[in-house]
Amino acid sequence: MSDFSSNERDQALEARLIELEMRVSFQEQALAEMSEALADARMQGSRNADLLRHLLDDLGKVRTALYADAADEPPPPHY
């Protein structure tokens, strides 16, 4: 016969099942946290892109105000 009784086998299987359920639970929690972090990072990236676009528009307005005539604009540094 086998080394384990039916009751011992059932207990071992139940313990293994509990361990697997705990692992799945931890993985689900980690996945939810990563999903939330990714959503936050995407929102921050979108805000940064909007801010950069806004700053570039403002910079263009300042350059236009400072150098209304293109001839007044200094040459690039490599000249």
PDB file of N, CA and C in Angstrom:
ATOM      1  N   MET A   1       0.829  -1.187   0.000  1.00  0.00           N
ATOM      2  CA  MET A   1       0.000   0.000   0.000  1.00  0.00           C
ATOM      3  C   MET A   1       0.865   1.238   0.000  1.00  0.00           C
ATOM      4  N   SER A   2       0.252   2.381   0.133  1.00  0.00           N
ATOM      5  CA  SER A   2       1.011   3.621   0.086  1.00  0.00           C
ATOM      6  C   SER A   2       1.472   4.016   1.480  1.00  0.00           C
ATOM      7  N   ASP A   3       2.430   4.939   1.512  1.00  0.00           N
ATOM      8  CA  ASP A   3       2.988   5.403   2.781  1.00  0.00           C
ATOM      9  C   ASP A   3       2.038   6.347   3.515  1.00  0.00           C
ATOM     10  N   PHE A   4       1.148   6.976   2.789  1.00  0.00           N
ATOM     11  CA  PHE A   4       0.216   7.931   3.396  1.00  0.00           C
ATOM     12  C   PHE A   4      -1.171   7.338   3.463  1.00  0.00           C
ATOM     13  N   SER A   5      -1.858   7.669   4.522  1.00  0.00           N
ATOM     14  CA  SER A   5      -3.258   7.260   4.602  1.00  0.00           C
ATOM     15  C   SER A   5      -4.071   8.258   3.799  1.00  0.00           C
ATOM     16  N   SER A   6      -5.285   7.908   3.542  1.00  0.00           N
ATOM     17  CA  SER A   6      -6.172   8.778   2.772  1.00  0.00           C
ATOM     18  C   SER A   6      -6.339  10.126   3.451  1.00  0.00           C
ATOM     19  N   ASN A   7      -6.432  10.136   4.756  1.00  0.00           N
ATOM     20  CA  ASN A   7      -6.601  11.377   5.510  1.00  0.00           C
ATOM     21  C   ASN A   7      -5.360  12.264   5.388  1.00  0.00           C
ATOM     22  N   GLU A   8      -4.184  11.675   5.463  1.00  0.00           N
ATOM     23  CA  GLU A   8      -2.938  12.440   5.339  1.00  0.00           C
ATOM     24  C   GLU A   8      -2.799  13.021   3.940  1.00  0.00           C
ATOM     25  N   ARG A   9      -3.183  12.242   2.939  1.00  0.00           N
ATOM     26  CA  ARG A   9      -3.144  12.722   1.549  1.00  0.00           C
ATOM     27  C   ARG A   9      -4.090  13.892   1.365  1.00  0.00           C
ATOM     28  N   ASP A  10      -5.281  13.785   1.919  1.00  0.00           N
ATOM     29  CA  ASP A  10      -6.263  14.870   1.824  1.00  0.00           C
ATOM     30  C   ASP A  10      -5.747  16.136   2.503  1.00  0.00           C
ATOM     31  N   GLN A  11      -5.120  15.957   3.663  1.00  0.00           N
ATOM     32  CA  GLN A  11      -4.577  17.120   4.373  1.00  0.00           C
ATOM     33  C   GLN A  11      -3.438  17.769   3.580  1.00  0.00           C
ATOM     34  N   ALA A  12      -2.592  16.939   2.976  1.00  0.00           N
ATOM     35  CA  ALA A  12      -1.482  17.464   2.179  1.00  0.00           C
ATOM     36  C   ALA A  12      -2.013  18.211   0.958  1.00  0.00           C
ATOM     37  N   LEU A  13      -3.016  17.655   0.307  1.00  0.00           N
ATOM     38  CA  LEU A  13      -3.611  18.327  -0.853  1.00  0.00           C
ATOM     39  C   LEU A  13      -4.297  19.632  -0.449  1.00  0.00           C
ATOM     40  N   GLU A  14      -4.974  19.612   0.688  1.00  0.00           N
ATOM     41  CA  GLU A  14      -5.642  20.823   1.165  1.00  0.00           C
ATOM     42  C   GLU A  14      -4.609  21.910   1.497  1.00  0.00           C
ATOM     43  N   ALA A  15      -3.508  21.527   2.133  1.00  0.00           N
ATOM     44  CA  ALA A  15      -2.454  22.487   2.460  1.00  0.00           C
ATOM     45  C   ALA A  15      -1.846  23.068   1.183  1.00  0.00           C
ATOM     46  N   ARG A  16      -1.648  22.210   0.203  1.00  0.00           N
ATOM     47  CA  ARG A  16      -1.098  22.667  -1.085  1.00  0.00           C
ATOM     48  C   ARG A  16      -2.079  23.609  -1.779  1.00  0.00           C
ATOM     49  N   LEU A  17      -3.347  23.286  -1.739  1.00  0.00           N
ATOM     50  CA  LEU A  17      -4.371  24.127  -2.342  1.00  0.00           C
ATOM     51  C   LEU A  17      -4.431  25.493  -1.655  1.00  0.00           C
ATOM     52  N   ILE A  18      -4.335  25.493  -0.338  1.00  0.00           N
ATOM     53  CA  ILE A  18      -4.351  26.760   0.411  1.00  0.00           C
ATOM     54  C   ILE A  18      -3.136  27.611   0.034  1.00  0.00           C
ATOM     55  N   GLU A  19      -1.995  26.985  -0.068  1.00  0.00           N
ATOM     56  CA  GLU A  19      -0.782  27.717  -0.447  1.00  0.00           C
ATOM     57  C   GLU A  19      -0.928  28.315  -1.850  1.00  0.00           C
ATOM     58  N   LEU A  20      -1.460  27.549  -2.779  1.00  0.00           N
ATOM     59  CA  LEU A  20      -1.659  28.057  -4.142  1.00  0.00           C
ATOM     60  C   LEU A  20      -2.673  29.200  -4.172  1.00  0.00           C
ATOM     61  N   GLU A  21      -3.737  29.083  -3.383  1.00  0.00           N
ATOM     62  CA  GLU A  21      -4.729  30.157  -3.318  1.00  0.00           C
ATOM     63  C   GLU A  21      -4.108  31.428  -2.752  1.00  0.00           C
ATOM     64  N   MET A  22      -3.227  31.294  -1.750  1.00  0.00           N
ATOM     65  CA  MET A  22      -2.555  32.463  -1.186  1.00  0.00           C
ATOM     66  C   MET A  22      -1.640  33.106  -2.225  1.00  0.00           C
ATOM     67  N   ARG A  23      -0.919  32.296  -2.970  1.00  0.00           N
ATOM     68  CA  ARG A  23      -0.037  32.837  -4.017  1.00  0.00           C
ATOM     69  C   ARG A  23      -0.845  33.595  -5.066  1.00  0.00           C
ATOM     70  N   VAL A  24      -1.958  33.018  -5.492  1.00  0.00           N
ATOM     71  CA  VAL A  24      -2.809  33.690  -6.483  1.00  0.00           C
ATOM     72  C   VAL A  24      -3.338  34.998  -5.916  1.00  0.00           C
ATOM     73  N   SER A  25      -3.721  34.993  -4.657  1.00  0.00           N
ATOM     74  CA  SER A  25      -4.223  36.202  -4.020  1.00  0.00           C
ATOM     75  C   SER A  25      -3.153  37.295  -3.997  1.00  0.00           C
ATOM     76  N   PHE A  26      -1.916  36.941  -3.636  1.00  0.00           N
ATOM     77  CA  PHE A  26      -0.829  37.919  -3.616  1.00  0.00           C
ATOM     78  C   PHE A  26      -0.539  38.430  -5.030  1.00  0.00           C
ATOM     79  N   GLN A  27      -0.593  37.555  -6.014  1.00  0.00           N
ATOM     80  CA  GLN A  27      -0.351  37.980  -7.392  1.00  0.00           C
ATOM     81  C   GLN A  27      -1.457  38.909  -7.879  1.00  0.00           C
ATOM     82  N   GLU A  28      -2.692  38.631  -7.518  1.00  0.00           N
ATOM     83  CA  GLU A  28      -3.796  39.509  -7.895  1.00  0.00           C
ATOM     84  C   GLU A  28      -3.628  40.881  -7.260  1.00  0.00           C
ATOM     85  N   GLN A  29      -3.201  40.906  -5.994  1.00  0.00           N
ATOM     86  CA  GLN A  29      -2.977  42.180  -5.305  1.00  0.00           C
ATOM     87  C   GLN A  29      -1.838  42.949  -5.975  1.00  0.00           C
ATOM     88  N   ALA A  30      -0.752  42.275  -6.291  1.00  0.00           N
ATOM     89  CA  ALA A  30       0.383  42.925  -6.947  1.00  0.00           C
ATOM     90  C   ALA A  30      -0.022  43.453  -8.319  1.00  0.00           C
ATOM     91  N   LEU A  31      -0.811  42.688  -9.050  1.00  0.00           N
ATOM     92  CA  LEU A  31      -1.274  43.111 -10.366  1.00  0.00           C
ATOM     93  C   LEU A  31      -2.162  44.351 -10.258  1.00  0.00           C
ATOM     94  N   ALA A  32      -3.029  44.391  -9.265  1.00  0.00           N
ATOM     95  CA  ALA A  32      -3.891  45.559  -9.065  1.00  0.00           C
ATOM     96  C   ALA A  32      -3.051  46.790  -8.718  1.00  0.00           C
ATOM     97  N   GLU A  33      -2.040  46.610  -7.868  1.00  0.00           N
ATOM     98  CA  GLU A  33      -1.164  47.734  -7.510  1.00  0.00           C
ATOM     99  C   GLU A  33      -0.380  48.230  -8.718  1.00  0.00           C
ATOM    100  N   MET A  34       0.122  47.315  -9.530  1.00  0.00           N
ATOM    101  CA  MET A  34       0.865  47.716 -10.725  1.00  0.00           C
ATOM    102  C   MET A  34      -0.047  48.406 -11.728  1.00  0.00           C
ATOM    103  N   SER A  35      -1.263  47.936 -11.851  1.00  0.00           N
ATOM    104  CA  SER A  35      -2.219  48.562 -12.754  1.00  0.00           C
ATOM    105  C   SER A  35      -2.522  49.989 -12.315  1.00  0.00           C
ATOM    106  N   GLU A  36      -2.687  50.178 -11.017  1.00  0.00           N
ATOM    107  CA  GLU A  36      -2.941  51.520 -10.482  1.00  0.00           C
ATOM    108  C   GLU A  36      -1.729  52.428 -10.697  1.00  0.00           C
ATOM    109  N   ALA A  37      -0.534  51.896 -10.477  1.00  0.00           N
ATOM    110  CA  ALA A  37       0.686  52.682 -10.682  1.00  0.00           C
ATOM    111  C   ALA A  37       0.845  53.054 -12.155  1.00  0.00           C
ATOM    112  N   LEU A  38       0.520  52.147 -13.050  1.00  0.00           N
ATOM    113  CA  LEU A  38       0.603  52.430 -14.480  1.00  0.00           C
ATOM    114  C   LEU A  38      -0.396  53.506 -14.883  1.00  0.00           C
ATOM    115  N   ALA A  39      -1.597  53.433 -14.352  1.00  0.00           N
ATOM    116  CA  ALA A  39      -2.602  54.459 -14.646  1.00  0.00           C
ATOM    117  C   ALA A  39      -2.142  55.821 -14.139  1.00  0.00           C
ATOM    118  N   ASP A  40      -1.557  55.864 -12.935  1.00  0.00           N
ATOM    119  CA  ASP A  40      -1.033  57.119 -12.392  1.00  0.00           C
ATOM    120  C   ASP A  40       0.097  57.660 -13.265  1.00  0.00           C
ATOM    121  N   ALA A  41       0.988  56.781 -13.701  1.00  0.00           N
ATOM    122  CA  ALA A  41       2.110  57.205 -14.543  1.00  0.00           C
ATOM    123  C   ALA A  41       1.614  57.735 -15.886  1.00  0.00           C
ATOM    124  N   ARG A  42       0.606  57.106 -16.447  1.00  0.00           N
ATOM    125  CA  ARG A  42       0.040  57.592 -17.715  1.00  0.00           C
ATOM    126  C   ARG A  42      -0.599  58.962 -17.539  1.00  0.00           C
ATOM    127  N   MET A  43      -1.308  59.151 -16.441  1.00  0.00           N
ATOM    128  CA  MET A  43      -1.922  60.457 -16.186  1.00  0.00           C
ATOM    129  C   MET A  43      -0.846  61.524 -16.003  1.00  0.00           C
ATOM    130  N   GLN A  44       0.206  61.199 -15.266  1.00  0.00           N
ATOM    131  CA  GLN A  44       1.303  62.146 -15.060  1.00  0.00           C
ATOM    132  C   GLN A  44       1.986  62.456 -16.386  1.00  0.00           C
ATOM    133  N   GLY A  45       2.193  61.461 -17.220  1.00  0.00           N
ATOM    134  CA  GLY A  45       2.791  61.681 -18.536  1.00  0.00           C
ATOM    135  C   GLY A  45       1.933  62.588 -19.400  1.00  0.00           C
ATOM    136  N   SER A  46       0.634  62.392 -19.332  1.00  0.00           N
ATOM    137  CA  SER A  46      -0.282  63.238 -20.089  1.00  0.00           C
ATOM    138  C   SER A  46      -0.231  64.673 -19.582  1.00  0.00           C
ATOM    139  N   ARG A  47      -0.207  64.841 -18.261  1.00  0.00           N
ATOM    140  CA  ARG A  47      -0.101  66.196 -17.687  1.00  0.00           C
ATOM    141  C   ARG A  47       1.221  66.843 -18.093  1.00  0.00           C
ATOM    142  N   ASN A  48       2.302  66.071 -18.063  1.00  0.00           N
ATOM    143  CA  ASN A  48       3.606  66.609 -18.458  1.00  0.00           C
ATOM    144  C   ASN A  48       3.617  67.018 -19.927  1.00  0.00           C
ATOM    145  N   ALA A  49       3.007  66.225 -20.777  1.00  0.00           N
ATOM    146  CA  ALA A  49       2.937  66.562 -22.200  1.00  0.00           C
ATOM    147  C   ALA A  49       2.137  67.847 -22.404  1.00  0.00           C
ATOM    148  N   ASP A  50       1.022  67.986 -21.696  1.00  0.00           N
ATOM    149  CA  ASP A  50       0.224  69.211 -21.791  1.00  0.00           C
ATOM    150  C   ASP A  50       1.020  70.417 -21.299  1.00  0.00           C
ATOM    151  N   LEU A  51       1.722  70.252 -20.198  1.00  0.00           N
ATOM    152  CA  LEU A  51       2.529  71.341 -19.645  1.00  0.00           C
ATOM    153  C   LEU A  51       3.636  71.736 -20.615  1.00  0.00           C
ATOM    154  N   LEU A  52       4.303  70.759 -21.194  1.00  0.00           N
ATOM    155  CA  LEU A  52       5.363  71.034 -22.157  1.00  0.00           C
ATOM    156  C   LEU A  52       4.811  71.775 -23.370  1.00  0.00           C
ATOM    157  N   ARG A  53       3.664  71.344 -23.871  1.00  0.00           N
ATOM    158  CA  ARG A  53       3.036  72.014 -25.005  1.00  0.00           C
ATOM    159  C   ARG A  53       2.722  73.472 -24.663  1.00  0.00           C
ATOM    160  N   HIS A  54       2.206  73.669 -23.461  1.00  0.00           N
ATOM    161  CA  HIS A  54       1.862  75.012 -22.996  1.00  0.00           C
ATOM    162  C   HIS A  54       3.123  75.881 -22.880  1.00  0.00           C
ATOM    163  N   LEU A  55       4.182  75.324 -22.309  1.00  0.00           N
ATOM    164  CA  LEU A  55       5.428  76.068 -22.158  1.00  0.00           C
ATOM    165  C   LEU A  55       6.051  76.410 -23.510  1.00  0.00           C
ATOM    166  N   LEU A  56       5.980  75.498 -24.460  1.00  0.00           N
ATOM    167  CA  LEU A  56       6.508  75.770 -25.798  1.00  0.00           C
ATOM    168  C   LEU A  56       5.711  76.878 -26.481  1.00  0.00           C
ATOM    169  N   ASP A  57       4.400  76.886 -26.292  1.00  0.00           N
ATOM    170  CA  ASP A  57       3.579  77.971 -26.833  1.00  0.00           C
ATOM    171  C   ASP A  57       3.981  79.306 -26.209  1.00  0.00           C
ATOM    172  N   ASP A  58       4.152  79.305 -24.879  1.00  0.00           N
ATOM    173  CA  ASP A  58       4.563  80.530 -24.195  1.00  0.00           C
ATOM    174  C   ASP A  58       5.937  80.991 -24.663  1.00  0.00           C
ATOM    175  N   LEU A  59       6.862  80.069 -24.838  1.00  0.00           N
ATOM    176  CA  LEU A  59       8.195  80.414 -25.319  1.00  0.00           C
ATOM    177  C   LEU A  59       8.118  81.026 -26.717  1.00  0.00           C
ATOM    178  N   GLY A  60       7.286  80.464 -27.557  1.00  0.00           N
ATOM    179  CA  GLY A  60       7.108  81.027 -28.899  1.00  0.00           C
ATOM    180  C   GLY A  60       6.566  82.442 -28.840  1.00  0.00           C
ATOM    181  N   LYS A  61       5.629  82.688 -27.930  1.00  0.00           N
ATOM    182  CA  LYS A  61       5.078  84.038 -27.779  1.00  0.00           C
ATOM    183  C   LYS A  61       6.143  85.015 -27.292  1.00  0.00           C
ATOM    184  N   VAL A  62       6.978  84.571 -26.345  1.00  0.00           N
ATOM    185  CA  VAL A  62       8.040  85.431 -25.827  1.00  0.00           C
ATOM    186  C   VAL A  62       9.046  85.742 -26.928  1.00  0.00           C
ATOM    187  N   ARG A  63       9.433  84.752 -27.698  1.00  0.00           N
ATOM    188  CA  ARG A  63      10.380  84.973 -28.801  1.00  0.00           C
ATOM    189  C   ARG A  63       9.797  85.923 -29.826  1.00  0.00           C
ATOM    190  N   THR A  64       8.514  85.750 -30.097  1.00  0.00           N
ATOM    191  CA  THR A  64       7.858  86.646 -31.055  1.00  0.00           C
ATOM    192  C   THR A  64       7.850  88.074 -30.521  1.00  0.00           C
ATOM    193  N   ALA A  65       7.595  88.233 -29.228  1.00  0.00           N
ATOM    194  CA  ALA A  65       7.567  89.568 -28.632  1.00  0.00           C
ATOM    195  C   ALA A  65       8.964  90.181 -28.601  1.00  0.00           C
ATOM    196  N   LEU A  66       9.986  89.389 -28.323  1.00  0.00           N
ATOM    197  CA  LEU A  66      11.356  89.915 -28.248  1.00  0.00           C
ATOM    198  C   LEU A  66      11.932  90.229 -29.625  1.00  0.00           C
ATOM    199  N   TYR A  67      11.642  89.377 -30.571  1.00  0.00           N
ATOM    200  CA  TYR A  67      12.206  89.531 -31.912  1.00  0.00           C
ATOM    201  C   TYR A  67      11.079  89.585 -32.923  1.00  0.00           C
ATOM    202  N   ALA A  68      10.390  90.695 -32.941  1.00  0.00           N
ATOM    203  CA  ALA A  68       9.268  90.842 -33.858  1.00  0.00           C
ATOM    204  C   ALA A  68       9.748  90.779 -35.303  1.00  0.00           C
ATOM    205  N   ASP A  69      10.943  91.262 -35.559  1.00  0.00           N
ATOM    206  CA  ASP A  69      11.521  91.214 -36.901  1.00  0.00           C
ATOM    207  C   ASP A  69      12.576  90.109 -36.920  1.00  0.00           C
ATOM    208  N   ALA A  70      12.512  89.205 -37.869  1.00  0.00           N
ATOM    209  CA  ALA A  70      13.445  88.089 -37.933  1.00  0.00           C
ATOM    210  C   ALA A  70      14.877  88.572 -38.091  1.00  0.00           C
ATOM    211  N   ALA A  71      15.095  89.755 -38.674  1.00  0.00           N
ATOM    212  CA  ALA A  71      16.439  90.278 -38.845  1.00  0.00           C
ATOM    213  C   ALA A  71      17.063  90.647 -37.507  1.00  0.00           C
ATOM    214  N   ASP A  72      16.242  90.948 -36.500  1.00  0.00           N
ATOM    215  CA  ASP A  72      16.751  91.300 -35.171  1.00  0.00           C
ATOM    216  C   ASP A  72      17.208  90.079 -34.378  1.00  0.00           C
ATOM    217  N   GLU A  73      16.777  88.934 -34.793  1.00  0.00           N
ATOM    218  CA  GLU A  73      17.129  87.710 -34.051  1.00  0.00           C
ATOM    219  C   GLU A  73      18.603  87.386 -34.250  1.00  0.00           C
ATOM    220  N   PRO A  74      19.323  87.105 -33.164  1.00  0.00           N
ATOM    221  CA  PRO A  74      20.750  86.783 -33.305  1.00  0.00           C
ATOM    222  C   PRO A  74      20.941  85.476 -34.070  1.00  0.00           C
ATOM    223  N   PRO A  75      22.095  85.330 -34.712  1.00  0.00           N
ATOM    224  CA  PRO A  75      22.336  84.082 -35.460  1.00  0.00           C
ATOM    225  C   PRO A  75      22.530  82.915 -34.489  1.00  0.00           C
ATOM    226  N   PRO A  76      22.326  81.698 -34.954  1.00  0.00           N
ATOM    227  CA  PRO A  76      22.546  80.533 -34.096  1.00  0.00           C
ATOM    228  C   PRO A  76      24.011  80.486 -33.629  1.00  0.00           C
ATOM    229  N   PRO A  77      24.276  79.808 -32.548  1.00  0.00           N
ATOM    230  CA  PRO A  77      25.622  79.807 -31.962  1.00  0.00           C
ATOM    231  C   PRO A  77      26.697  79.218 -32.870  1.00  0.00           C
ATOM    232  N   HIS A  78      26.363  78.426 -33.854  1.00  0.00           N
ATOM    233  CA  HIS A  78      27.408  77.805 -34.681  1.00  0.00           C
ATOM    234  C   HIS A  78      27.906  78.736 -35.788  1.00  0.00           C
ATOM    235  N   TYR A  79      27.398  79.967 -35.890  1.00  0.00           N
ATOM    236  CA  TYR A  79      27.887  80.916 -36.895  1.00  0.00           C
ATOM    237  C   TYR A  79      28.930  81.814 -36.317  1.00  0.00           C
TER     238      TYR A  79
END
